[in-house]
Amino acid sequence: MRTNWVRERLKKGQATIGCLVGLGSPTVVEMLAHAGFDWLVIESEHNALDSAEIQNMLMAMNGTEAIPLVRIPSSNPVFIQRALDMGALGILAPLVKNAAEAAAIVSATRFPPVGVRSLGALRASKYTLDNEDYFNRANDNILVALILERKEAVENLEEICRVPGIDALFFGSWDLCLSYGLNPLKQPYPEIEAVIDRMLEVGKKTGVAMGIGAITPEQLRMRQAQGFTFLVYGPEYKLFVDAVSAGLKAFVR
């Protein structure tokens, strides 16, 4: 089994950079992995990808140093099981509200006796050729990240972060705004900015890595300076759209 070096870096408090990939293209995934991202998150919550397509995108990272993660559509153990069995070395789980839900997610990523994950990793165990090593190392090698996007989760933030096995929290600004009854298209809001400060405070107390997105190099530098270590540059479609829009604006018809 591959060593999840990103998880190791996060546990040491070292910054990592990834990209959220939502276009469903194995070619784009391969390109981004070769470009130098530490990790890539395959989006499967807000698009139409099925398991076979996700697996093809995971395969596209072979031969690169990028650590493959999957943003599951829900915390249903079936989605967790499939993502890991297909070869993901971690998950990004949405809509968590409390410590009990966080603990259930961690349990679904761990083999017994510490969890409830079923043993049957297909591609992840190299089609049984790596069964023993995978079984022995997976529990200490799978990264569990949660998206902070519910008001209830903010209220339970420290309790969630103290759940054993939670490695990172990612700031989900749009859904968090909706949870507070705010229009996400009109950010920033003082109450949402206060959540960012609270995240960083709790991260220092608990050792859980805090994550946030950036769509410009300036934002990326600013967020890293604030103390975020699970940094998303992207998503990839936003980077593409911004680059195309800048070129078109520069063109004189």
Protein backbone atom coordinates (compact mmCIF):
# COMPACT_ATOMS: atom_id res chain seq x y z
CA MET A 1 0.00 0.00 0.00
CA ARG A 2 1.18 3.51 -0.80
CA THR A 3 2.16 5.63 2.16
CA ASN A 4 -0.19 8.57 2.53
CA TRP A 5 2.50 11.19 2.84
CA VAL A 6 -0.04 14.01 2.76
CA ARG A 7 -1.65 12.70 5.94
CA GLU A 8 1.78 12.52 7.55
CA ARG A 9 2.56 16.13 6.59
CA LEU A 10 -0.77 17.38 7.94
CA LYS A 11 -0.18 15.64 11.25
CA LYS A 12 3.13 17.52 11.52
CA GLY A 13 1.36 20.82 10.85
CA GLN A 14 2.92 21.20 7.41
CA ALA A 15 1.01 22.85 4.58
CA THR A 16 -0.26 20.88 1.58
CA ILE A 17 -1.97 21.98 -1.62
CA GLY A 18 -4.64 20.19 -3.60
CA CYS A 19 -7.25 20.76 -6.25
CA LEU A 20 -10.92 19.85 -6.39
CA VAL A 21 -11.62 18.14 -9.72
CA GLY A 22 -15.21 18.27 -10.95
CA LEU A 23 -15.09 17.96 -14.74
CA GLY A 24 -14.92 14.17 -14.74
CA SER A 25 -11.90 13.98 -17.06
CA PRO A 26 -9.14 11.42 -16.38
CA THR A 27 -6.91 13.43 -18.72
CA VAL A 28 -7.35 16.60 -16.66
CA VAL A 29 -6.69 14.60 -13.47
CA GLU A 30 -3.49 13.19 -14.94
CA MET A 31 -2.34 16.65 -16.05
CA LEU A 32 -2.99 18.20 -12.62
CA ALA A 33 -1.27 15.32 -10.85
CA HIS A 34 1.82 15.75 -13.03
CA ALA A 35 1.67 19.53 -12.49
CA GLY A 36 2.63 19.05 -8.85
CA PHE A 37 -0.46 19.12 -6.65
CA ASP A 38 0.06 17.20 -3.41
CA TRP A 39 -3.43 15.73 -3.58
CA LEU A 40 -6.50 15.80 -5.80
CA VAL A 41 -10.12 15.47 -4.69
CA ILE A 42 -12.43 13.84 -7.20
CA GLU A 43 -15.82 15.51 -6.88
CA SER A 44 -18.80 13.14 -6.75
CA GLU A 45 -21.31 15.16 -4.72
CA HIS A 46 -22.29 17.82 -7.24
CA ASN A 47 -21.87 16.10 -10.59
CA ALA A 48 -23.03 12.98 -12.42
CA LEU A 49 -19.97 10.74 -12.01
CA ASP A 50 -20.56 7.06 -11.40
CA SER A 51 -18.16 4.65 -9.70
CA ALA A 52 -16.56 3.44 -12.94
CA GLU A 53 -15.75 7.00 -13.97
CA ILE A 54 -14.29 7.77 -10.55
CA GLN A 55 -12.11 4.67 -10.79
CA ASN A 56 -10.77 5.79 -14.18
CA MET A 57 -9.85 9.14 -12.67
CA LEU A 58 -8.10 7.44 -9.77
CA MET A 59 -6.15 5.34 -12.27
CA ALA A 60 -5.07 8.53 -14.03
CA MET A 61 -3.03 9.45 -10.93
CA ASN A 62 -0.91 6.31 -11.18
CA GLY A 63 2.74 7.12 -11.68
CA THR A 64 2.47 10.48 -9.90
CA GLU A 65 3.10 11.57 -6.34
CA ALA A 66 -0.40 13.03 -5.93
CA ILE A 67 -2.51 11.43 -3.20
CA PRO A 68 -5.99 10.49 -4.48
CA LEU A 69 -9.03 11.58 -2.46
CA VAL A 70 -12.75 11.40 -3.23
CA ARG A 71 -15.44 13.84 -2.17
CA ILE A 72 -18.25 11.41 -1.46
CA PRO A 73 -21.88 12.41 -2.14
CA SER A 74 -22.92 11.64 1.43
CA SER A 75 -21.53 9.96 4.54
CA ASN A 76 -23.39 6.75 3.71
CA PRO A 77 -20.91 3.91 4.42
CA VAL A 78 -21.52 2.48 0.94
CA PHE A 79 -20.02 5.58 -0.68
CA ILE A 80 -17.07 5.49 1.71
CA GLN A 81 -16.51 1.79 1.04
CA ARG A 82 -16.57 2.20 -2.74
CA ALA A 83 -14.25 5.19 -2.79
CA LEU A 84 -11.63 3.41 -0.68
CA ASP A 85 -11.95 0.06 -2.44
CA MET A 86 -11.42 1.81 -5.77
CA GLY A 87 -8.11 3.14 -4.52
CA ALA A 88 -8.74 6.47 -2.84
CA LEU A 89 -6.40 7.13 0.07
CA GLY A 90 -8.92 9.37 1.76
CA ILE A 91 -12.35 10.95 1.65
CA LEU A 92 -13.86 14.40 1.93
CA ALA A 93 -17.27 14.03 3.58
CA PRO A 94 -20.05 16.65 3.37
CA LEU A 95 -22.82 17.85 5.67
CA VAL A 96 -21.45 16.64 9.00
CA LYS A 97 -23.19 18.25 11.98
CA ASN A 98 -21.83 16.66 15.17
CA ALA A 99 -19.20 14.44 16.73
CA ALA A 100 -21.33 11.30 16.51
CA GLU A 101 -21.62 11.66 12.74
CA ALA A 102 -17.90 12.34 12.48
CA ALA A 103 -17.11 9.21 14.51
CA ALA A 104 -19.37 7.10 12.28
CA ILE A 105 -17.50 8.34 9.20
CA VAL A 106 -14.14 7.44 10.72
CA SER A 107 -15.46 4.01 11.69
CA ALA A 108 -16.56 3.36 8.10
CA THR A 109 -12.98 3.97 6.92
CA ARG A 110 -11.40 1.53 9.42
CA PHE A 111 -11.28 -2.24 9.43
CA PRO A 112 -12.36 -4.07 12.62
CA PRO A 113 -11.72 -4.11 15.49
CA VAL A 114 -11.45 -0.30 15.41
CA GLY A 115 -14.08 0.23 12.72
CA VAL A 116 -16.77 -1.40 10.61
CA ARG A 117 -15.27 -1.31 7.12
CA SER A 118 -15.84 -4.46 5.10
CA LEU A 119 -12.76 -6.25 3.77
CA GLY A 120 -12.84 -6.58 0.01
CA ALA A 121 -10.66 -3.83 -1.37
CA LEU A 122 -10.36 -4.66 -5.05
CA ARG A 123 -8.24 -2.12 -6.90
CA ALA A 124 -6.93 -0.72 -3.61
CA SER A 125 -5.30 -4.07 -2.75
CA LYS A 126 -3.98 -4.54 -6.29
CA TYR A 127 -6.70 -7.10 -6.97
CA THR A 128 -5.73 -9.22 -3.89
CA LEU A 129 -1.98 -9.19 -4.72
CA ASP A 130 -1.44 -6.72 -1.86
CA ASN A 131 -4.14 -7.96 0.52
CA GLU A 132 -1.99 -8.46 3.61
CA ASP A 133 -0.11 -5.18 3.41
CA TYR A 134 -3.27 -3.23 2.61
CA PHE A 135 -5.21 -4.77 5.49
CA ASN A 136 -2.37 -4.17 7.94
CA ARG A 137 -1.73 -0.55 6.95
CA ALA A 138 -5.02 0.92 5.76
CA ASN A 139 -6.35 1.95 9.18
CA ASP A 140 -3.31 4.19 9.74
CA ASN A 141 -3.10 5.43 6.17
CA ILE A 142 -6.57 6.68 5.19
CA LEU A 143 -7.12 10.44 5.42
CA VAL A 144 -10.50 11.59 6.74
CA ALA A 145 -11.50 15.18 6.00
CA LEU A 146 -14.89 16.76 6.67
CA ILE A 147 -16.52 19.78 5.08
CA LEU A 148 -17.59 22.44 7.57
CA GLU A 149 -20.81 23.66 5.99
CA ARG A 150 -23.55 23.52 8.63
CA LYS A 151 -24.31 25.93 11.47
CA GLU A 152 -24.68 22.93 13.80
CA ALA A 153 -21.17 21.80 12.91
CA VAL A 154 -19.79 25.22 13.84
CA GLU A 155 -21.53 24.96 17.21
CA ASN A 156 -19.98 21.50 17.70
CA LEU A 157 -16.65 22.35 16.12
CA GLU A 158 -14.26 21.44 18.93
CA GLU A 159 -16.12 18.20 19.73
CA ILE A 160 -15.93 17.17 16.08
CA CYS A 161 -12.21 17.90 15.93
CA ARG A 162 -11.56 15.80 19.03
CA VAL A 163 -12.96 12.66 17.37
CA PRO A 164 -10.01 10.27 16.87
CA GLY A 165 -9.24 9.82 13.18
CA ILE A 166 -10.41 13.22 11.96
CA ASP A 167 -7.44 14.61 10.05
CA ALA A 168 -8.77 17.79 8.45
CA LEU A 169 -11.74 20.13 8.18
CA PHE A 170 -12.46 22.07 5.01
CA PHE A 171 -14.32 25.37 5.04
CA GLY A 172 -17.42 25.11 2.83
CA SER A 173 -18.39 28.75 2.52
CA TRP A 174 -21.35 28.50 0.16
CA ASP A 175 -23.39 25.92 2.04
CA LEU A 176 -22.33 27.45 5.34
CA CYS A 177 -23.84 30.76 4.18
CA LEU A 178 -27.05 28.96 3.26
CA SER A 179 -27.13 27.31 6.69
CA TYR A 180 -26.94 30.77 8.26
CA GLY A 181 -29.69 32.10 5.96
CA LEU A 182 -27.25 34.18 3.93
CA ASN A 183 -26.84 34.59 0.18
CA PRO A 184 -23.48 32.93 -0.68
CA LEU A 185 -23.14 35.07 -3.80
CA LYS A 186 -22.86 38.23 -1.67
CA GLN A 187 -19.95 37.28 0.58
CA PRO A 188 -18.15 38.28 2.74
CA TYR A 189 -20.22 38.31 5.93
CA PRO A 190 -18.87 39.05 9.43
CA GLU A 191 -20.41 35.90 10.92
CA ILE A 192 -18.84 33.71 8.25
CA GLU A 193 -15.45 35.36 8.65
CA ALA A 194 -15.76 34.69 12.38
CA VAL A 195 -16.07 30.98 11.60
CA ILE A 196 -12.71 31.12 9.81
CA ASP A 197 -11.10 32.59 12.91
CA ARG A 198 -12.77 29.93 15.06
CA MET A 199 -11.52 27.15 12.78
CA LEU A 200 -7.93 28.27 13.08
CA GLU A 201 -8.25 28.57 16.85
CA VAL A 202 -9.69 25.06 17.22
CA GLY A 203 -7.15 23.63 14.79
CA LYS A 204 -4.32 24.87 16.99
CA LYS A 205 -5.94 23.34 20.09
CA THR A 206 -6.74 19.94 18.60
CA GLY A 207 -4.06 19.39 15.96
CA VAL A 208 -6.64 18.94 13.19
CA ALA A 209 -5.57 20.48 9.88
CA MET A 210 -7.79 23.29 8.67
CA GLY A 211 -8.57 23.70 4.99
CA ILE A 212 -9.94 26.42 2.76
CA GLY A 213 -10.14 27.23 -0.94
CA ALA A 214 -8.38 29.88 -2.99
CA ILE A 215 -8.79 30.84 -6.64
CA THR A 216 -5.89 33.28 -7.01
CA PRO A 217 -2.22 33.07 -6.02
CA GLU A 218 -2.77 36.07 -3.74
CA GLN A 219 -5.59 34.32 -1.89
CA LEU A 220 -3.49 31.20 -1.60
CA ARG A 221 -0.58 33.08 -0.02
CA MET A 222 -2.94 34.88 2.36
CA ARG A 223 -4.68 31.69 3.53
CA GLN A 224 -1.41 29.86 4.07
CA ALA A 225 -0.09 32.80 6.09
CA GLN A 226 -3.23 32.62 8.24
CA GLY A 227 -2.37 29.07 9.19
CA PHE A 228 -4.43 26.89 6.84
CA THR A 229 -2.58 23.72 5.85
CA PHE A 230 -5.18 21.80 3.78
CA LEU A 231 -5.34 24.27 0.90
CA VAL A 232 -7.40 23.91 -2.25
CA TYR A 233 -6.38 25.86 -5.33
CA GLY A 234 -9.33 25.61 -7.62
CA PRO A 235 -11.65 23.88 -8.41
CA GLU A 236 -10.16 23.12 -11.77
CA TYR A 237 -13.15 24.37 -13.76
CA LYS A 238 -12.96 27.75 -12.02
CA LEU A 239 -9.25 28.03 -12.85
CA PHE A 240 -10.03 27.22 -16.49
CA VAL A 241 -12.96 29.64 -16.67
CA ASP A 242 -10.92 32.46 -15.16
CA ALA A 243 -8.03 31.86 -17.57
CA VAL A 244 -10.34 31.77 -20.58
CA SER A 245 -12.28 34.84 -19.43
CA ALA A 246 -9.06 36.84 -19.00
CA GLY A 247 -7.95 35.95 -22.51
CA LEU A 248 -11.29 36.84 -24.05
CA LYS A 249 -11.37 40.17 -22.24
CA ALA A 250 -7.94 40.97 -23.63
CA PHE A 251 -9.07 40.26 -27.18
CA VAL A 252 -10.19 43.26 -29.24
CA ARG A 253 -12.94 42.43 -31.72
